[in-house]
Amino acid sequence: MSDSCSSGSILYWSWHKPQVDVRNFPEEPIGPIICNLEGFYLFGGGSSGHHYMWEVSS
């Protein structure tokens, strides 16, 4: 997972693939991104005050 600030996207990679699996394009710039301990969910916040949560499929 990567927060690509210059392109405004969040990128997901599989462990066994060199290319990006999923590109996510939030409606607004997302601040710090964290995940839960198990790695099932990603959380981030926007400058508007909205909170975002993504379920990460395996």
N, C-alpha and C. Protein backbone atom coordinates (compact mmCIF):
# COMPACT_ATOMS: atom_id res chain seq x y z
N MET A 1 0.85 -1.15 0.00
CA MET A 1 0.00 0.00 0.00
C MET A 1 0.91 1.22 0.00
N SER A 2 0.51 2.23 -0.72
CA SER A 2 1.29 3.45 -0.79
C SER A 2 0.35 4.63 -0.92
N ASP A 3 0.68 5.73 -0.24
CA ASP A 3 -0.07 6.97 -0.40
C ASP A 3 0.72 7.80 -1.39
N SER A 4 0.22 7.92 -2.58
CA SER A 4 0.93 8.61 -3.65
C SER A 4 0.45 10.06 -3.70
N CYS A 5 1.08 10.93 -2.91
CA CYS A 5 0.60 12.30 -2.74
C CYS A 5 0.55 13.10 -4.03
N SER A 6 1.52 12.92 -4.90
CA SER A 6 1.55 13.75 -6.11
C SER A 6 0.44 13.39 -7.09
N SER A 7 0.00 12.13 -7.10
CA SER A 7 -1.03 11.74 -8.05
C SER A 7 -2.41 11.67 -7.41
N GLY A 8 -2.50 11.80 -6.09
CA GLY A 8 -3.78 11.74 -5.41
C GLY A 8 -4.40 10.37 -5.41
N SER A 9 -3.59 9.33 -5.42
CA SER A 9 -4.11 7.97 -5.44
C SER A 9 -3.52 7.14 -4.30
N ILE A 10 -4.23 6.06 -3.97
CA ILE A 10 -3.74 5.09 -3.01
C ILE A 10 -3.56 3.79 -3.78
N LEU A 11 -2.36 3.23 -3.71
CA LEU A 11 -2.01 2.06 -4.51
C LEU A 11 -1.85 0.83 -3.63
N TYR A 12 -2.33 -0.32 -4.12
CA TYR A 12 -2.22 -1.59 -3.41
C TYR A 12 -1.44 -2.57 -4.26
N TRP A 13 -0.51 -3.30 -3.63
CA TRP A 13 0.26 -4.33 -4.31
C TRP A 13 0.00 -5.68 -3.66
N SER A 14 0.07 -6.74 -4.46
CA SER A 14 0.08 -8.10 -3.92
C SER A 14 1.52 -8.45 -3.60
N TRP A 15 1.72 -9.34 -2.65
CA TRP A 15 3.08 -9.72 -2.25
C TRP A 15 3.87 -10.31 -3.41
N HIS A 16 3.20 -11.04 -4.29
CA HIS A 16 3.91 -11.80 -5.32
C HIS A 16 3.85 -11.17 -6.70
N LYS A 17 3.45 -9.91 -6.79
CA LYS A 17 3.36 -9.24 -8.08
C LYS A 17 4.12 -7.92 -8.04
N PRO A 18 4.91 -7.63 -9.08
CA PRO A 18 5.66 -6.37 -9.09
C PRO A 18 4.80 -5.16 -9.47
N GLN A 19 3.66 -5.39 -10.12
CA GLN A 19 2.83 -4.27 -10.56
C GLN A 19 1.70 -3.99 -9.56
N VAL A 20 1.14 -2.81 -9.66
CA VAL A 20 0.05 -2.39 -8.79
C VAL A 20 -1.19 -3.23 -9.07
N ASP A 21 -1.84 -3.71 -8.01
CA ASP A 21 -3.09 -4.49 -8.15
C ASP A 21 -4.31 -3.58 -8.25
N VAL A 22 -4.38 -2.59 -7.37
CA VAL A 22 -5.56 -1.73 -7.29
C VAL A 22 -5.12 -0.29 -7.13
N ARG A 23 -5.77 0.61 -7.84
CA ARG A 23 -5.57 2.05 -7.67
C ARG A 23 -6.87 2.64 -7.15
N ASN A 24 -6.78 3.40 -6.07
CA ASN A 24 -7.96 4.03 -5.48
C ASN A 24 -7.77 5.53 -5.58
N PHE A 25 -8.79 6.25 -6.02
CA PHE A 25 -8.70 7.69 -6.21
C PHE A 25 -9.73 8.39 -5.32
N PRO A 26 -9.35 8.74 -4.10
CA PRO A 26 -10.28 9.42 -3.19
C PRO A 26 -10.71 10.77 -3.76
N GLU A 27 -11.86 11.26 -3.30
CA GLU A 27 -12.40 12.53 -3.78
C GLU A 27 -11.60 13.73 -3.31
N GLU A 28 -10.84 13.57 -2.25
CA GLU A 28 -10.04 14.67 -1.71
C GLU A 28 -8.70 14.12 -1.23
N PRO A 29 -7.72 14.99 -1.03
CA PRO A 29 -6.44 14.51 -0.50
C PRO A 29 -6.63 13.87 0.87
N ILE A 30 -6.00 12.73 1.08
CA ILE A 30 -6.10 11.98 2.32
C ILE A 30 -4.83 12.21 3.13
N GLY A 31 -5.01 12.48 4.41
CA GLY A 31 -3.88 12.70 5.31
C GLY A 31 -3.25 11.39 5.72
N PRO A 32 -2.74 11.31 6.93
CA PRO A 32 -2.08 10.08 7.37
C PRO A 32 -2.98 8.86 7.19
N ILE A 33 -2.39 7.77 6.74
CA ILE A 33 -3.11 6.52 6.56
C ILE A 33 -2.53 5.51 7.53
N ILE A 34 -3.42 4.83 8.25
CA ILE A 34 -2.99 3.78 9.18
C ILE A 34 -3.81 2.53 8.90
N CYS A 35 -3.35 1.40 9.42
CA CYS A 35 -4.13 0.17 9.30
C CYS A 35 -4.31 -0.42 10.69
N ASN A 36 -5.31 -1.29 10.83
CA ASN A 36 -5.49 -1.96 12.11
C ASN A 36 -4.41 -3.02 12.27
N LEU A 37 -4.27 -3.55 13.46
CA LEU A 37 -3.19 -4.48 13.79
C LEU A 37 -3.17 -5.70 12.86
N GLU A 38 -4.35 -6.20 12.51
CA GLU A 38 -4.43 -7.38 11.65
C GLU A 38 -4.22 -7.04 10.17
N GLY A 39 -4.27 -5.77 9.80
CA GLY A 39 -4.09 -5.36 8.41
C GLY A 39 -5.32 -5.52 7.54
N PHE A 40 -6.50 -5.65 8.16
CA PHE A 40 -7.74 -5.83 7.40
C PHE A 40 -8.35 -4.52 6.94
N TYR A 41 -8.05 -3.43 7.63
CA TYR A 41 -8.67 -2.15 7.32
C TYR A 41 -7.63 -1.05 7.25
N LEU A 42 -7.85 -0.08 6.36
CA LEU A 42 -7.05 1.14 6.28
C LEU A 42 -7.94 2.30 6.68
N PHE A 43 -7.37 3.27 7.39
CA PHE A 43 -8.11 4.44 7.82
C PHE A 43 -7.33 5.69 7.45
N GLY A 44 -8.04 6.72 7.03
CA GLY A 44 -7.40 7.99 6.70
C GLY A 44 -8.40 9.12 6.89
N GLY A 45 -7.90 10.33 6.88
CA GLY A 45 -8.77 11.50 7.04
C GLY A 45 -8.45 12.57 6.02
N GLY A 46 -9.49 13.30 5.62
CA GLY A 46 -9.32 14.37 4.66
C GLY A 46 -9.35 15.73 5.33
N SER A 47 -8.93 16.75 4.60
CA SER A 47 -8.90 18.11 5.15
C SER A 47 -10.32 18.63 5.42
N SER A 48 -11.33 18.01 4.82
CA SER A 48 -12.73 18.41 5.05
C SER A 48 -13.24 17.94 6.40
N GLY A 49 -12.48 17.06 7.05
CA GLY A 49 -12.93 16.48 8.31
C GLY A 49 -13.58 15.12 8.14
N HIS A 50 -13.75 14.67 6.90
CA HIS A 50 -14.32 13.34 6.65
C HIS A 50 -13.28 12.27 6.98
N HIS A 51 -13.77 11.14 7.48
CA HIS A 51 -12.92 9.98 7.75
C HIS A 51 -13.22 8.92 6.70
N TYR A 52 -12.19 8.18 6.32
CA TYR A 52 -12.33 7.15 5.29
C TYR A 52 -11.82 5.82 5.83
N MET A 53 -12.51 4.75 5.45
CA MET A 53 -12.11 3.40 5.84
C MET A 53 -12.21 2.50 4.61
N TRP A 54 -11.16 1.71 4.39
CA TRP A 54 -11.15 0.74 3.30
C TRP A 54 -10.96 -0.64 3.90
N GLU A 55 -11.72 -1.60 3.39
CA GLU A 55 -11.50 -3.00 3.76
C GLU A 55 -10.51 -3.56 2.75
N VAL A 56 -9.43 -4.14 3.24
CA VAL A 56 -8.38 -4.67 2.38
C VAL A 56 -8.62 -6.16 2.20
N SER A 57 -8.97 -6.57 0.99
CA SER A 57 -9.20 -8.00 0.71
C SER A 57 -7.88 -8.72 0.56
N SER A 58 -7.90 -9.98 0.90
CA SER A 58 -6.67 -10.78 0.73
C SER A 58 -6.86 -11.81 -0.34
